Amino acid sequence: MKKKIRSIRKVYIVCAKCGTETILNLGHSFIKCQVCFEDLGIDPMDNVLLKVQRLVEFADKNKRAEIGFICDDDLSV
């Protein structure tokens, strides 16, 4: 389904190493998995678009990792 970037509100990340799923508000981030401390390659000083880009790159390099986005209309369900 086609969505506008401005409708993204949350990001979910599934760690490639331990499988822990974390859901964050779009502006928040962490640089390591909170369970196994796998480095996600994110600089906390990056802006939101760079953080999203780095998450996509991380998931591309680590095929067991998963990232996704939760949009406005997904929150109302």
PDB file of N, CA and C in Angstrom:
ATOM      1  N   MET A   1       0.835  -1.180   0.000  1.00  0.00           N
ATOM      2  CA  MET A   1       0.000   0.000   0.000  1.00  0.00           C
ATOM      3  C   MET A   1       0.880   1.243   0.000  1.00  0.00           C
ATOM      4  N   LYS A   2       0.528   2.195  -0.813  1.00  0.00           N
ATOM      5  CA  LYS A   2       1.287   3.431  -0.936  1.00  0.00           C
ATOM      6  C   LYS A   2       0.959   4.371   0.219  1.00  0.00           C
ATOM      7  N   LYS A   3       2.005   4.901   0.863  1.00  0.00           N
ATOM      8  CA  LYS A   3       1.819   5.816   1.990  1.00  0.00           C
ATOM      9  C   LYS A   3       2.764   6.998   1.827  1.00  0.00           C
ATOM     10  N   LYS A   4       2.390   8.093   2.417  1.00  0.00           N
ATOM     11  CA  LYS A   4       3.250   9.274   2.403  1.00  0.00           C
ATOM     12  C   LYS A   4       4.213   9.216   3.582  1.00  0.00           C
ATOM     13  N   ILE A   5       5.411   9.695   3.358  1.00  0.00           N
ATOM     14  CA  ILE A   5       6.431   9.676   4.407  1.00  0.00           C
ATOM     15  C   ILE A   5       5.944  10.417   5.646  1.00  0.00           C
ATOM     16  N   ARG A   6       5.218  11.484   5.477  1.00  0.00           N
ATOM     17  CA  ARG A   6       4.779  12.262   6.638  1.00  0.00           C
ATOM     18  C   ARG A   6       3.770  11.515   7.509  1.00  0.00           C
ATOM     19  N   SER A   7       3.224  10.401   7.009  1.00  0.00           N
ATOM     20  CA  SER A   7       2.285   9.631   7.824  1.00  0.00           C
ATOM     21  C   SER A   7       2.996   8.624   8.733  1.00  0.00           C
ATOM     22  N   ILE A   8       4.314   8.461   8.575  1.00  0.00           N
ATOM     23  CA  ILE A   8       5.073   7.529   9.421  1.00  0.00           C
ATOM     24  C   ILE A   8       5.164   8.100  10.836  1.00  0.00           C
ATOM     25  N   ARG A   9       4.799   7.306  11.819  1.00  0.00           N
ATOM     26  CA  ARG A   9       4.840   7.737  13.216  1.00  0.00           C
ATOM     27  C   ARG A   9       5.787   6.898  14.065  1.00  0.00           C
ATOM     28  N   LYS A  10       5.940   5.628  13.732  1.00  0.00           N
ATOM     29  CA  LYS A  10       6.783   4.740  14.536  1.00  0.00           C
ATOM     30  C   LYS A  10       7.603   3.842  13.623  1.00  0.00           C
ATOM     31  N   VAL A  11       8.692   3.343  14.165  1.00  0.00           N
ATOM     32  CA  VAL A  11       9.568   2.414  13.463  1.00  0.00           C
ATOM     33  C   VAL A  11       9.655   1.154  14.315  1.00  0.00           C
ATOM     34  N   TYR A  12       9.577   0.003  13.668  1.00  0.00           N
ATOM     35  CA  TYR A  12       9.843  -1.216  14.428  1.00  0.00           C
ATOM     36  C   TYR A  12      11.092  -1.873  13.860  1.00  0.00           C
ATOM     37  N   ILE A  13      11.869  -2.451  14.762  1.00  0.00           N
ATOM     38  CA  ILE A  13      13.142  -3.072  14.417  1.00  0.00           C
ATOM     39  C   ILE A  13      13.177  -4.449  15.058  1.00  0.00           C
ATOM     40  N   VAL A  14      13.530  -5.466  14.277  1.00  0.00           N
ATOM     41  CA  VAL A  14      13.752  -6.801  14.809  1.00  0.00           C
ATOM     42  C   VAL A  14      15.248  -7.062  14.684  1.00  0.00           C
ATOM     43  N   CYS A  15      15.896  -7.296  15.806  1.00  0.00           N
ATOM     44  CA  CYS A  15      17.344  -7.494  15.851  1.00  0.00           C
ATOM     45  C   CYS A  15      17.754  -8.727  15.048  1.00  0.00           C
ATOM     46  N   ALA A  16      18.804  -8.593  14.265  1.00  0.00           N
ATOM     47  CA  ALA A  16      19.307  -9.701  13.447  1.00  0.00           C
ATOM     48  C   ALA A  16      19.943 -10.788  14.303  1.00  0.00           C
ATOM     49  N   LYS A  17      20.457 -10.415  15.447  1.00  0.00           N
ATOM     50  CA  LYS A  17      21.196 -11.374  16.273  1.00  0.00           C
ATOM     51  C   LYS A  17      20.287 -12.160  17.220  1.00  0.00           C
ATOM     52  N   CYS A  18      19.399 -11.467  17.947  1.00  0.00           N
ATOM     53  CA  CYS A  18      18.607 -12.151  18.974  1.00  0.00           C
ATOM     54  C   CYS A  18      17.107 -12.186  18.689  1.00  0.00           C
ATOM     55  N   GLY A  19      16.645 -11.433  17.691  1.00  0.00           N
ATOM     56  CA  GLY A  19      15.237 -11.452  17.334  1.00  0.00           C
ATOM     57  C   GLY A  19      14.342 -10.564  18.176  1.00  0.00           C
ATOM     58  N   THR A  20      14.914  -9.744  19.037  1.00  0.00           N
ATOM     59  CA  THR A  20      14.122  -8.840  19.862  1.00  0.00           C
ATOM     60  C   THR A  20      13.448  -7.798  18.983  1.00  0.00           C
ATOM     61  N   GLU A  21      12.148  -7.571  19.190  1.00  0.00           N
ATOM     62  CA  GLU A  21      11.402  -6.559  18.445  1.00  0.00           C
ATOM     63  C   GLU A  21      11.238  -5.321  19.318  1.00  0.00           C
ATOM     64  N   THR A  22      11.584  -4.176  18.757  1.00  0.00           N
ATOM     65  CA  THR A  22      11.477  -2.906  19.454  1.00  0.00           C
ATOM     66  C   THR A  22      10.679  -1.948  18.590  1.00  0.00           C
ATOM     67  N   ILE A  23       9.746  -1.216  19.206  1.00  0.00           N
ATOM     68  CA  ILE A  23       8.964  -0.201  18.497  1.00  0.00           C
ATOM     69  C   ILE A  23       9.292   1.147  19.120  1.00  0.00           C
ATOM     70  N   LEU A  24       9.665   2.106  18.262  1.00  0.00           N
ATOM     71  CA  LEU A  24      10.064   3.440  18.712  1.00  0.00           C
ATOM     72  C   LEU A  24       9.263   4.506  17.980  1.00  0.00           C
ATOM     73  N   ASN A  25       9.041   5.636  18.635  1.00  0.00           N
ATOM     74  CA  ASN A  25       8.525   6.798  17.924  1.00  0.00           C
ATOM     75  C   ASN A  25       9.566   7.210  16.894  1.00  0.00           C
ATOM     76  N   LEU A  26       9.131   7.774  15.785  1.00  0.00           N
ATOM     77  CA  LEU A  26      10.028   8.061  14.668  1.00  0.00           C
ATOM     78  C   LEU A  26      11.240   8.897  15.071  1.00  0.00           C
ATOM     79  N   GLY A  27      11.098   9.874  15.914  1.00  0.00           N
ATOM     80  CA  GLY A  27      12.211  10.734  16.286  1.00  0.00           C
ATOM     81  C   GLY A  27      13.193  10.113  17.258  1.00  0.00           C
ATOM     82  N   HIS A  28      12.817   9.017  17.895  1.00  0.00           N
ATOM     83  CA  HIS A  28      13.692   8.367  18.869  1.00  0.00           C
ATOM     84  C   HIS A  28      14.491   7.256  18.209  1.00  0.00           C
ATOM     85  N   SER A  29      15.608   6.942  18.786  1.00  0.00           N
ATOM     86  CA  SER A  29      16.398   5.836  18.256  1.00  0.00           C
ATOM     87  C   SER A  29      17.318   5.311  19.338  1.00  0.00           C
ATOM     88  N   PHE A  30      17.843   4.162  19.063  1.00  0.00           N
ATOM     89  CA  PHE A  30      18.916   3.625  19.898  1.00  0.00           C
ATOM     90  C   PHE A  30      19.973   3.089  18.959  1.00  0.00           C
ATOM     91  N   ILE A  31      21.190   2.970  19.451  1.00  0.00           N
ATOM     92  CA  ILE A  31      22.293   2.585  18.573  1.00  0.00           C
ATOM     93  C   ILE A  31      22.654   1.106  18.709  1.00  0.00           C
ATOM     94  N   LYS A  32      22.126   0.448  19.746  1.00  0.00           N
ATOM     95  CA  LYS A  32      22.396  -0.977  19.959  1.00  0.00           C
ATOM     96  C   LYS A  32      21.122  -1.654  20.439  1.00  0.00           C
ATOM     97  N   CYS A  33      21.022  -2.937  20.141  1.00  0.00           N
ATOM     98  CA  CYS A  33      19.912  -3.733  20.664  1.00  0.00           C
ATOM     99  C   CYS A  33      19.979  -3.682  22.188  1.00  0.00           C
ATOM    100  N   GLN A  34      18.835  -3.510  22.815  1.00  0.00           N
ATOM    101  CA  GLN A  34      18.797  -3.405  24.270  1.00  0.00           C
ATOM    102  C   GLN A  34      18.981  -4.747  24.976  1.00  0.00           C
ATOM    103  N   VAL A  35      18.903  -5.858  24.230  1.00  0.00           N
ATOM    104  CA  VAL A  35      19.044  -7.189  24.826  1.00  0.00           C
ATOM    105  C   VAL A  35      20.443  -7.754  24.604  1.00  0.00           C
ATOM    106  N   CYS A  36      20.897  -7.782  23.333  1.00  0.00           N
ATOM    107  CA  CYS A  36      22.184  -8.429  23.034  1.00  0.00           C
ATOM    108  C   CYS A  36      23.289  -7.424  22.663  1.00  0.00           C
ATOM    109  N   PHE A  37      22.954  -6.152  22.591  1.00  0.00           N
ATOM    110  CA  PHE A  37      23.896  -5.066  22.302  1.00  0.00           C
ATOM    111  C   PHE A  37      24.476  -5.105  20.894  1.00  0.00           C
ATOM    112  N   GLU A  38      23.755  -5.731  19.948  1.00  0.00           N
ATOM    113  CA  GLU A  38      24.143  -5.702  18.529  1.00  0.00           C
ATOM    114  C   GLU A  38      24.124  -4.252  18.052  1.00  0.00           C
ATOM    115  N   ASP A  39      25.214  -3.803  17.436  1.00  0.00           N
ATOM    116  CA  ASP A  39      25.319  -2.428  16.945  1.00  0.00           C
ATOM    117  C   ASP A  39      24.457  -2.270  15.695  1.00  0.00           C
ATOM    118  N   LEU A  40      23.569  -1.267  15.704  1.00  0.00           N
ATOM    119  CA  LEU A  40      22.674  -1.012  14.578  1.00  0.00           C
ATOM    120  C   LEU A  40      23.254  -0.020  13.578  1.00  0.00           C
ATOM    121  N   GLY A  41      24.414   0.540  13.864  1.00  0.00           N
ATOM    122  CA  GLY A  41      25.057   1.455  12.930  1.00  0.00           C
ATOM    123  C   GLY A  41      24.408   2.815  12.842  1.00  0.00           C
ATOM    124  N   ILE A  42      23.742   3.233  13.901  1.00  0.00           N
ATOM    125  CA  ILE A  42      23.027   4.514  13.899  1.00  0.00           C
ATOM    126  C   ILE A  42      23.769   5.514  14.768  1.00  0.00           C
ATOM    127  N   ASP A  43      23.946   6.702  14.244  1.00  0.00           N
ATOM    128  CA  ASP A  43      24.533   7.795  15.006  1.00  0.00           C
ATOM    129  C   ASP A  43      23.386   8.580  15.637  1.00  0.00           C
ATOM    130  N   PRO A  44      23.340   8.704  16.967  1.00  0.00           N
ATOM    131  CA  PRO A  44      22.233   9.415  17.607  1.00  0.00           C
ATOM    132  C   PRO A  44      22.142  10.888  17.218  1.00  0.00           C
ATOM    133  N   MET A  45      23.183  11.430  16.642  1.00  0.00           N
ATOM    134  CA  MET A  45      23.168  12.836  16.241  1.00  0.00           C
ATOM    135  C   MET A  45      22.586  13.041  14.832  1.00  0.00           C
ATOM    136  N   ASP A  46      22.320  11.964  14.113  1.00  0.00           N
ATOM    137  CA  ASP A  46      21.746  12.082  12.767  1.00  0.00           C
ATOM    138  C   ASP A  46      20.314  12.591  12.835  1.00  0.00           C
ATOM    139  N   ASN A  47      19.881  13.206  11.734  1.00  0.00           N
ATOM    140  CA  ASN A  47      18.482  13.606  11.659  1.00  0.00           C
ATOM    141  C   ASN A  47      17.636  12.377  11.355  1.00  0.00           C
ATOM    142  N   VAL A  48      16.325  12.526  11.371  1.00  0.00           N
ATOM    143  CA  VAL A  48      15.413  11.396  11.231  1.00  0.00           C
ATOM    144  C   VAL A  48      15.617  10.666   9.905  1.00  0.00           C
ATOM    145  N   LEU A  49      15.798  11.385   8.817  1.00  0.00           N
ATOM    146  CA  LEU A  49      15.956  10.740   7.515  1.00  0.00           C
ATOM    147  C   LEU A  49      17.237   9.914   7.445  1.00  0.00           C
ATOM    148  N   LEU A  50      18.325  10.414   8.021  1.00  0.00           N
ATOM    149  CA  LEU A  50      19.568   9.638   8.059  1.00  0.00           C
ATOM    150  C   LEU A  50      19.429   8.394   8.927  1.00  0.00           C
ATOM    151  N   LYS A  51      18.703   8.510  10.042  1.00  0.00           N
ATOM    152  CA  LYS A  51      18.481   7.346  10.900  1.00  0.00           C
ATOM    153  C   LYS A  51      17.714   6.268  10.137  1.00  0.00           C
ATOM    154  N   VAL A  52      16.677   6.677   9.410  1.00  0.00           N
ATOM    155  CA  VAL A  52      15.892   5.720   8.626  1.00  0.00           C
ATOM    156  C   VAL A  52      16.767   5.091   7.551  1.00  0.00           C
ATOM    157  N   GLN A  53      17.589   5.901   6.875  1.00  0.00           N
ATOM    158  CA  GLN A  53      18.483   5.374   5.843  1.00  0.00           C
ATOM    159  C   GLN A  53      19.443   4.352   6.436  1.00  0.00           C
ATOM    160  N   ARG A  54      20.004   4.646   7.589  1.00  0.00           N
ATOM    161  CA  ARG A  54      20.948   3.719   8.222  1.00  0.00           C
ATOM    162  C   ARG A  54      20.244   2.425   8.661  1.00  0.00           C
ATOM    163  N   LEU A  55      19.000   2.531   9.114  1.00  0.00           N
ATOM    164  CA  LEU A  55      18.252   1.326   9.466  1.00  0.00           C
ATOM    165  C   LEU A  55      18.024   0.446   8.247  1.00  0.00           C
ATOM    166  N   VAL A  56      17.681   1.065   7.120  1.00  0.00           N
ATOM    167  CA  VAL A  56      17.475   0.304   5.879  1.00  0.00           C
ATOM    168  C   VAL A  56      18.779  -0.365   5.461  1.00  0.00           C
ATOM    169  N   GLU A  57      19.891   0.356   5.536  1.00  0.00           N
ATOM    170  CA  GLU A  57      21.194  -0.228   5.199  1.00  0.00           C
ATOM    171  C   GLU A  57      21.534  -1.385   6.135  1.00  0.00           C
ATOM    172  N   PHE A  58      21.242  -1.227   7.435  1.00  0.00           N
ATOM    173  CA  PHE A  58      21.507  -2.286   8.407  1.00  0.00           C
ATOM    174  C   PHE A  58      20.700  -3.533   8.057  1.00  0.00           C
ATOM    175  N   ALA A  59      19.425  -3.367   7.749  1.00  0.00           N
ATOM    176  CA  ALA A  59      18.574  -4.510   7.413  1.00  0.00           C
ATOM    177  C   ALA A  59      19.009  -5.153   6.102  1.00  0.00           C
ATOM    178  N   ASP A  60      19.528  -4.358   5.170  1.00  0.00           N
ATOM    179  CA  ASP A  60      19.990  -4.908   3.902  1.00  0.00           C
ATOM    180  C   ASP A  60      21.236  -5.771   4.102  1.00  0.00           C
ATOM    181  N   LYS A  61      22.139  -5.339   4.982  1.00  0.00           N
ATOM    182  CA  LYS A  61      23.368  -6.095   5.245  1.00  0.00           C
ATOM    183  C   LYS A  61      23.105  -7.321   6.116  1.00  0.00           C
ATOM    184  N   ASN A  62      22.127  -7.228   7.006  1.00  0.00           N
ATOM    185  CA  ASN A  62      21.818  -8.299   7.949  1.00  0.00           C
ATOM    186  C   ASN A  62      20.458  -8.882   7.586  1.00  0.00           C
ATOM    187  N   LYS A  63      20.465  -9.886   6.757  1.00  0.00           N
ATOM    188  CA  LYS A  63      19.217 -10.419   6.194  1.00  0.00           C
ATOM    189  C   LYS A  63      18.235 -10.909   7.250  1.00  0.00           C
ATOM    190  N   ARG A  64      18.701 -11.254   8.441  1.00  0.00           N
ATOM    191  CA  ARG A  64      17.785 -11.690   9.489  1.00  0.00           C
ATOM    192  C   ARG A  64      17.153 -10.516  10.222  1.00  0.00           C
ATOM    193  N   ALA A  65      17.673  -9.304  10.021  1.00  0.00           N
ATOM    194  CA  ALA A  65      17.088  -8.119  10.647  1.00  0.00           C
ATOM    195  C   ALA A  65      15.845  -7.714   9.873  1.00  0.00           C
ATOM    196  N   GLU A  66      14.965  -7.036  10.551  1.00  0.00           N
ATOM    197  CA  GLU A  66      13.754  -6.555   9.904  1.00  0.00           C
ATOM    198  C   GLU A  66      13.452  -5.156  10.427  1.00  0.00           C
ATOM    199  N   ILE A  67      13.075  -4.270   9.533  1.00  0.00           N
ATOM    200  CA  ILE A  67      12.617  -2.950   9.945  1.00  0.00           C
ATOM    201  C   ILE A  67      11.295  -2.692   9.250  1.00  0.00           C
ATOM    202  N   GLY A  68      10.498  -1.852   9.844  1.00  0.00           N
ATOM    203  CA  GLY A  68       9.225  -1.489   9.247  1.00  0.00           C
ATOM    204  C   GLY A  68       8.736  -0.182   9.830  1.00  0.00           C
ATOM    205  N   PHE A  69       7.678   0.328   9.245  1.00  0.00           N
ATOM    206  CA  PHE A  69       7.145   1.615   9.652  1.00  0.00           C
ATOM    207  C   PHE A  69       5.678   1.485   9.996  1.00  0.00           C
ATOM    208  N   ILE A  70       5.253   2.157  11.048  1.00  0.00           N
ATOM    209  CA  ILE A  70       3.859   2.188  11.458  1.00  0.00           C
ATOM    210  C   ILE A  70       3.359   3.598  11.173  1.00  0.00           C
ATOM    211  N   CYS A  71       2.318   3.685  10.348  1.00  0.00           N
ATOM    212  CA  CYS A  71       1.794   4.970   9.903  1.00  0.00           C
ATOM    213  C   CYS A  71       0.534   5.362  10.678  1.00  0.00           C
ATOM    214  N   ASP A  72       0.074   6.610  10.440  1.00  0.00           N
ATOM    215  CA  ASP A  72      -1.118   7.133  11.110  1.00  0.00           C
ATOM    216  C   ASP A  72      -2.290   6.173  11.038  1.00  0.00           C
ATOM    217  N   ASP A  73      -2.634   5.714   9.839  1.00  0.00           N
ATOM    218  CA  ASP A  73      -3.821   4.871   9.703  1.00  0.00           C
ATOM    219  C   ASP A  73      -3.626   3.493  10.327  1.00  0.00           C
ATOM    220  N   ASP A  74      -2.381   3.031  10.514  1.00  0.00           N
ATOM    221  CA  ASP A  74      -2.120   1.761  11.185  1.00  0.00           C
ATOM    222  C   ASP A  74      -2.389   1.878  12.691  1.00  0.00           C
ATOM    223  N   LEU A  75      -2.223   3.090  13.244  1.00  0.00           N
ATOM    224  CA  LEU A  75      -2.411   3.295  14.673  1.00  0.00           C
ATOM    225  C   LEU A  75      -3.884   3.294  15.058  1.00  0.00           C
ATOM    226  N   SER A  76      -4.759   3.616  14.117  1.00  0.00           N
ATOM    227  CA  SER A  76      -6.186   3.717  14.439  1.00  0.00           C
ATOM    228  C   SER A  76      -6.889   2.362  14.438  1.00  0.00           C
ATOM    229  N   VAL A  77      -6.202   1.317  13.953  1.00  0.00           N
ATOM    230  CA  VAL A  77      -6.816  -0.013  13.891  1.00  0.00           C
ATOM    231  C   VAL A  77      -6.760  -0.700  15.223  1.00  0.00           C
TER     232      VAL A  77
END
